[in-house]
Protein backbone atom coordinates (compact mmCIF):
# COMPACT_ATOMS: atom_id res chain seq x y z
CA UNK A 1 -0.15 -0.05 -0.03
CA UNK A 2 1.75 3.67 -0.66
CA UNK A 3 1.07 6.71 0.79
CA UNK A 4 -0.29 9.43 -1.53
CA UNK A 5 2.28 12.40 -2.19
CA UNK A 6 0.77 15.54 -0.55
CA UNK A 7 0.12 18.24 -2.97
CA UNK A 8 2.47 20.91 -1.90
CA UNK A 9 -0.75 23.63 -1.67
CA UNK A 10 -1.74 21.26 0.91
CA UNK A 11 1.44 21.79 3.08
CA UNK A 12 1.40 25.53 3.05
CA UNK A 13 -1.39 27.27 4.95
CA UNK A 14 -3.63 29.63 3.11
CA UNK A 15 -2.28 32.58 5.39
CA UNK A 16 1.19 31.83 3.80
CA UNK A 17 0.79 34.88 1.19
CA UNK A 18 0.25 37.51 4.02
CA UNK A 19 3.73 37.33 4.40
CA UNK A 20 4.73 38.81 0.98
CA UNK A 21 1.84 41.34 1.37
CA UNK A 22 3.08 42.46 4.80
CA UNK A 23 6.31 42.84 3.11
CA UNK A 24 4.66 44.77 0.39
CA UNK A 25 2.94 47.44 2.89
CA UNK A 26 6.19 47.77 4.70
CA UNK A 27 7.60 48.71 1.22
CA UNK A 28 5.30 51.29 0.57
CA UNK A 29 5.85 52.73 4.34
CA UNK A 30 9.40 52.73 3.85
CA UNK A 31 9.26 54.42 0.95
CA UNK A 32 6.47 57.22 2.30
CA UNK A 33 9.03 57.55 5.03
CA UNK A 34 12.35 58.15 2.62
CA UNK A 35 10.13 60.73 0.94
CA UNK A 36 9.22 62.27 4.25
CA UNK A 37 12.70 62.22 5.47
CA UNK A 38 14.17 63.50 2.32
CA UNK A 39 11.63 66.35 1.77
CA UNK A 40 12.17 67.46 5.50
CA UNK A 41 15.58 67.21 4.81
CA UNK A 42 15.17 69.70 1.72
CA UNK A 43 12.87 72.02 3.36
CA UNK A 44 15.07 72.47 6.23
CA UNK A 45 18.70 73.10 3.64
CA UNK A 46 15.99 75.34 1.71
CA UNK A 47 13.32 76.89 3.79
CA UNK A 48 10.36 77.64 1.94
CA UNK A 49 8.43 80.96 0.97
CA UNK A 50 5.01 81.44 0.33
CA UNK A 51 5.49 81.58 -3.34
CA UNK A 52 7.23 77.99 -3.22
CA UNK A 53 3.62 76.68 -2.68
CA UNK A 54 1.60 79.53 -4.28
CA UNK A 55 0.15 76.71 -6.66
CA UNK A 56 0.65 73.04 -7.49
CA UNK A 57 3.68 73.93 -10.08
CA UNK A 58 5.28 76.01 -7.75
CA UNK A 59 5.24 73.14 -5.10
CA UNK A 60 6.45 70.53 -7.83
CA UNK A 61 9.29 73.04 -8.19
CA UNK A 62 10.28 73.37 -5.05
CA UNK A 63 10.34 69.81 -4.22
CA UNK A 64 12.00 68.88 -7.89
CA UNK A 65 15.53 67.74 -6.34
CA UNK A 66 13.29 65.22 -4.05
CA UNK A 67 10.97 64.30 -6.47
CA UNK A 68 11.97 60.48 -6.82
CA UNK A 69 10.13 59.16 -3.88
CA UNK A 70 7.54 60.73 -4.33
CA UNK A 71 7.30 59.55 -7.87
CA UNK A 72 7.42 55.50 -6.47
CA UNK A 73 5.35 56.24 -4.15
CA UNK A 74 2.67 56.91 -6.32
CA UNK A 75 4.09 54.31 -8.55
CA UNK A 76 3.43 51.86 -5.49
CA UNK A 77 -0.46 53.24 -6.07
CA UNK A 78 -0.80 51.85 -9.77
CA UNK A 79 -0.29 48.42 -10.95
CA UNK A 80 0.63 47.09 -6.64
CA UNK A 81 -3.47 47.78 -6.20
CA UNK A 82 -3.82 44.99 -8.69
CA UNK A 83 -1.88 42.80 -6.51
CA UNK A 84 -3.74 44.11 -3.40
CA UNK A 85 -7.00 43.40 -4.97
CA UNK A 86 -6.01 39.70 -5.73
CA UNK A 87 -4.79 38.39 -2.36
CA UNK A 88 -8.06 38.53 -0.32
CA UNK A 89 -9.74 36.62 -3.31
CA UNK A 90 -7.07 34.15 -3.29
CA UNK A 91 -7.46 33.75 0.52
CA UNK A 92 -11.79 33.71 0.05
CA UNK A 93 -11.46 30.97 -2.87
CA UNK A 94 -8.80 29.47 -0.75
CA UNK A 95 -6.78 28.95 -3.78
CA UNK A 96 -3.43 31.10 -2.11
CA UNK A 97 -1.33 27.56 -2.88
CA UNK A 98 2.44 27.54 -2.87
CA UNK A 99 2.71 28.65 -6.51
CA UNK A 100 0.90 32.06 -5.69
CA UNK A 101 3.20 32.65 -2.56
CA UNK A 102 5.83 32.06 -4.52
CA UNK A 103 5.05 34.32 -7.26
CA UNK A 104 3.90 37.04 -4.81
CA UNK A 105 7.49 36.90 -3.05
CA UNK A 106 8.63 37.53 -6.65
CA UNK A 107 6.36 40.37 -7.38
CA UNK A 108 7.38 41.97 -3.97
CA UNK A 109 10.83 41.23 -4.34
CA UNK A 110 11.06 43.01 -7.84
CA UNK A 111 8.78 45.58 -6.17
CA UNK A 112 11.51 46.73 -3.84
CA UNK A 113 14.02 46.42 -6.62
CA UNK A 114 12.33 48.96 -8.53
CA UNK A 115 11.53 51.36 -5.52
CA UNK A 116 15.29 50.98 -4.76
CA UNK A 117 16.84 51.70 -8.74
CA UNK A 118 13.74 54.13 -8.56
CA UNK A 119 14.76 56.11 -5.66
CA UNK A 120 18.57 55.20 -5.24
CA UNK A 121 20.79 54.85 -8.75
CA UNK A 122 17.83 56.10 -10.96
CA UNK A 123 19.06 54.04 -13.79
CA UNK A 124 16.26 53.94 -16.48
CA UNK A 125 17.14 51.01 -18.36
CA UNK A 126 17.22 48.32 -15.26
CA UNK A 127 14.01 50.09 -13.33
CA UNK A 128 11.91 49.42 -16.48
CA UNK A 129 13.26 45.51 -17.42
CA UNK A 130 12.70 45.34 -13.36
CA UNK A 131 8.73 46.91 -13.67
CA UNK A 132 8.36 44.97 -17.07
CA UNK A 133 9.33 41.44 -14.99
CA UNK A 134 7.07 42.61 -11.66
CA UNK A 135 4.28 43.16 -13.99
CA UNK A 136 4.73 39.65 -16.48
CA UNK A 137 4.86 38.34 -12.56
CA UNK A 138 1.22 39.53 -11.48
CA UNK A 139 -0.03 38.70 -14.76
CA UNK A 140 0.98 35.10 -14.06
CA UNK A 141 -0.34 35.53 -10.75
CA UNK A 142 -3.82 36.43 -12.01
CA UNK A 143 -3.86 34.21 -15.17
CA UNK A 144 -2.84 31.29 -12.37
CA UNK A 145 -5.78 32.70 -10.23
CA UNK A 146 -8.25 32.73 -13.42
CA UNK A 147 -7.53 29.04 -14.45
CA UNK A 148 -7.66 27.56 -10.89
CA UNK A 149 -11.25 29.22 -11.06
CA UNK A 150 -12.27 28.01 -14.22
CA UNK A 151 -11.25 24.21 -13.07
């Protein structure tokens, strides 16, 4: 008599998908904190005048030297919204298996790399390639979910 080999999905709790999600939330807060620290430093080094905040365009010009964290924070509320929408769906439907967890970790790591490149070295080509890879992973997560639901 042979024992059935357990599927990887049954060996991993559904809530394992929450750990990369916590990491994604931590990334959002880390970028926000970077933005806060850089803007505060800019304000201390270059005290603003009323003219610097007369309108949105003036404020953008004033903060231009430290704009990358703000741009990256905005990026974290574009494609990652689809990640944050998918996680509860995976949990509610019981489809947060090992493959989705691995893909979620890859997605979060790529988004962290994207944020680092965006704020740090500001290299366009590596940042773009990282962005494309993260979009491909997110697409794979959604396609996998759709296929699982269709079964």
